[in-house]
C-alpha atoms as a PDB file:
ATOM      1  CA  GLN A   1    -282.704 106.401-105.497  1.00  0.00           C
ATOM      2  CA  LEU A   2    -285.279 103.657-105.842  1.00  0.00           C
ATOM      3  CA  ALA A   3    -288.822 104.454-107.468  1.00  0.00           C
ATOM      4  CA  CYS A   4    -291.741 102.799-104.801  1.00  0.00           C
ATOM      5  CA  PRO A   5    -294.823 103.136-105.712  1.00  0.00           C
ATOM      6  CA  LEU A   6    -297.285 103.686-103.014  1.00  0.00           C
ATOM      7  CA  ASP A   7    -294.087 103.257-100.014  1.00  0.00           C
ATOM      8  CA  LEU A   8    -294.359  99.935 -99.958  1.00  0.00           C
ATOM      9  CA  GLY A   9    -290.853  98.235 -98.214  1.00  0.00           C
ATOM     10  CA  CYS A  10    -288.340 100.651-100.104  1.00  0.00           C
ATOM     11  CA  HIS A  11    -286.704 101.674 -96.995  1.00  0.00           C
ATOM     12  CA  SER A  12    -285.972  97.781 -95.937  1.00  0.00           C
ATOM     13  CA  VAL A  13    -284.005  97.717 -99.429  1.00  0.00           C
ATOM     14  CA  GLU A  14    -282.433 100.580 -99.237  1.00  0.00           C
ATOM     15  CA  ARG A  15    -280.638  99.762 -96.088  1.00  0.00           C
ATOM     16  CA  ALA A  16    -280.371  96.222 -97.170  1.00  0.00           C
ATOM     17  CA  PRO A  17    -276.879  96.899 -98.730  1.00  0.00           C
ATOM     18  CA  LEU A  18    -275.786  98.023 -94.644  1.00  0.00           C
ATOM     19  CA  ALA A  19    -277.159  95.168 -93.292  1.00  0.00           C
ATOM     20  CA  LYS A  20    -274.409  92.507 -91.224  1.00  0.00           C
ATOM     21  CA  PHE A  21    -274.455  88.948 -90.965  1.00  0.00           C
ATOM     22  CA  ASP A  22    -272.810  86.812 -88.734  1.00  0.00           C
ATOM     23  CA  GLU A  23    -270.485  84.526 -90.404  1.00  0.00           C
ATOM     24  CA  ALA A  24    -272.441  81.315 -90.008  1.00  0.00           C
ATOM     25  CA  VAL A  25    -275.397  82.634 -91.197  1.00  0.00           C
ATOM     26  CA  GLN A  26    -273.714  83.767 -94.266  1.00  0.00           C
ATOM     27  CA  GLU A  27    -272.225  80.521 -94.805  1.00  0.00           C
ATOM     28  CA  GLN A  28    -276.268  79.254 -94.454  1.00  0.00           C
ATOM     29  CA  PHE A  29    -277.578  81.643 -97.279  1.00  0.00           C
ATOM     30  CA  ASN A  30    -274.722  80.633 -99.227  1.00  0.00           C
ATOM     31  CA  SER A  31    -275.152  77.162 -98.959  1.00  0.00           C
ATOM     32  CA  GLY A  32    -278.984  78.167-100.038  1.00  0.00           C
ATOM     33  CA  ARG A  33    -280.057  76.819 -96.365  1.00  0.00           C
ATOM     34  CA  LEU A  34    -280.944  78.495 -93.024  1.00  0.00           C
ATOM     35  CA  LEU A  35    -281.731  76.475 -89.360  1.00  0.00           C
ATOM     36  CA  ALA A  36    -284.729  78.355 -88.068  1.00  0.00           C
ATOM     37  CA  ARG A  37    -286.838  77.529 -85.333  1.00  0.00           C
ATOM     38  CA  ILE A  38    -290.812  77.324 -85.553  1.00  0.00           C
ATOM     39  CA  ALA A  39    -291.918  79.456 -82.595  1.00  0.00           C
ATOM     40  CA  SER A  40    -295.679  78.968 -83.342  1.00  0.00           C
ATOM     41  CA  ARG A  41    -298.064  78.141 -80.481  1.00  0.00           C
ATOM     42  CA  PRO A  42    -300.021  74.600 -80.221  1.00  0.00           C
ATOM     43  CA  GLY A  43    -302.891  74.013 -82.077  1.00  0.00           C
ATOM     44  CA  GLN A  44    -302.609  77.088 -83.831  1.00  0.00           C
ATOM     45  CA  SER A  45    -303.404  76.746 -87.574  1.00  0.00           C
ATOM     46  CA  GLY A  46    -302.400  77.470 -90.770  1.00  0.00           C
ATOM     47  CA  ARG A  47    -299.913  80.238 -89.385  1.00  0.00           C
ATOM     48  CA  ALA A  48    -296.149  79.505 -88.650  1.00  0.00           C
ATOM     49  CA  ASP A  49    -294.248  81.555 -86.721  1.00  0.00           C
ATOM     50  CA  GLY A  50    -290.683  81.458 -86.132  1.00  0.00           C
ATOM     51  CA  TYR A  51    -287.013  83.183 -86.411  1.00  0.00           C
ATOM     52  CA  ILE A  52    -283.968  82.466 -88.401  1.00  0.00           C
ATOM     53  CA  LEU A  53    -281.196  80.958 -85.348  1.00  0.00           C
ATOM     54  CA  GLU A  54    -277.491  82.759 -84.555  1.00  0.00           C
ATOM     55  CA  GLY A  55    -275.274  82.512 -82.444  1.00  0.00           C
ATOM     56  CA  LYS A  56    -274.962  80.487 -79.353  1.00  0.00           C
ATOM     57  CA  GLU A  57    -278.444  78.642 -80.504  1.00  0.00           C
ATOM     58  CA  LEU A  58    -277.421  78.463 -83.838  1.00  0.00           C
ATOM     59  CA  GLU A  59    -274.000  76.623 -82.631  1.00  0.00           C
ATOM     60  CA  PHE A  60    -276.142  74.188 -79.995  1.00  0.00           C
ATOM     61  CA  TYR A  61    -278.083  73.210 -82.801  1.00  0.00           C
ATOM     62  CA  SER A  62    -275.652  72.963 -85.309  1.00  0.00           C
ATOM     63  CA  LYS A  63    -273.360  70.608 -83.187  1.00  0.00           C
ATOM     64  CA  LYS A  64    -276.640  68.637 -82.142  1.00  0.00           C
ATOM     65  CA  MET A  65    -277.631  68.256 -86.220  1.00  0.00           C
ATOM     66  CA  GLN A  66    -273.593  66.884 -86.763  1.00  0.00           C
ATOM     67  CA  LYS A  67    -273.819  63.809 -83.647  1.00  0.00           C
ATOM     68  CA  LYS A  68    -277.431  62.888 -84.761  1.00  0.00           C
ATOM     69  CA  LYS A  69    -275.970  62.197 -88.579  1.00  0.00           C
ATOM     70  CA  SER A  70    -272.706  60.787 -87.202  1.00  0.00           C
ATOM     71  CA  THR A  71    -275.169  58.696 -85.445  1.00  0.00           C
ATOM     72  CA  LYS A  72    -276.395  57.198 -88.455  1.00  0.00           C
END
């Protein structure tokens, strides 16, 4: 059991070993880079919202980046 002062963030730490990641996402973690998409609205300053790419969306952007690298 983890000691959590003020019960901040303890629940996510306890569940972390049970989390399963897609193999492609796990490869990104191991390489030290993650592909993400910024989803903040235009004109929004001081904050960038976004999410980590997974599944078909990750495949799409990975292929797109590979094509871009091969043309240079």
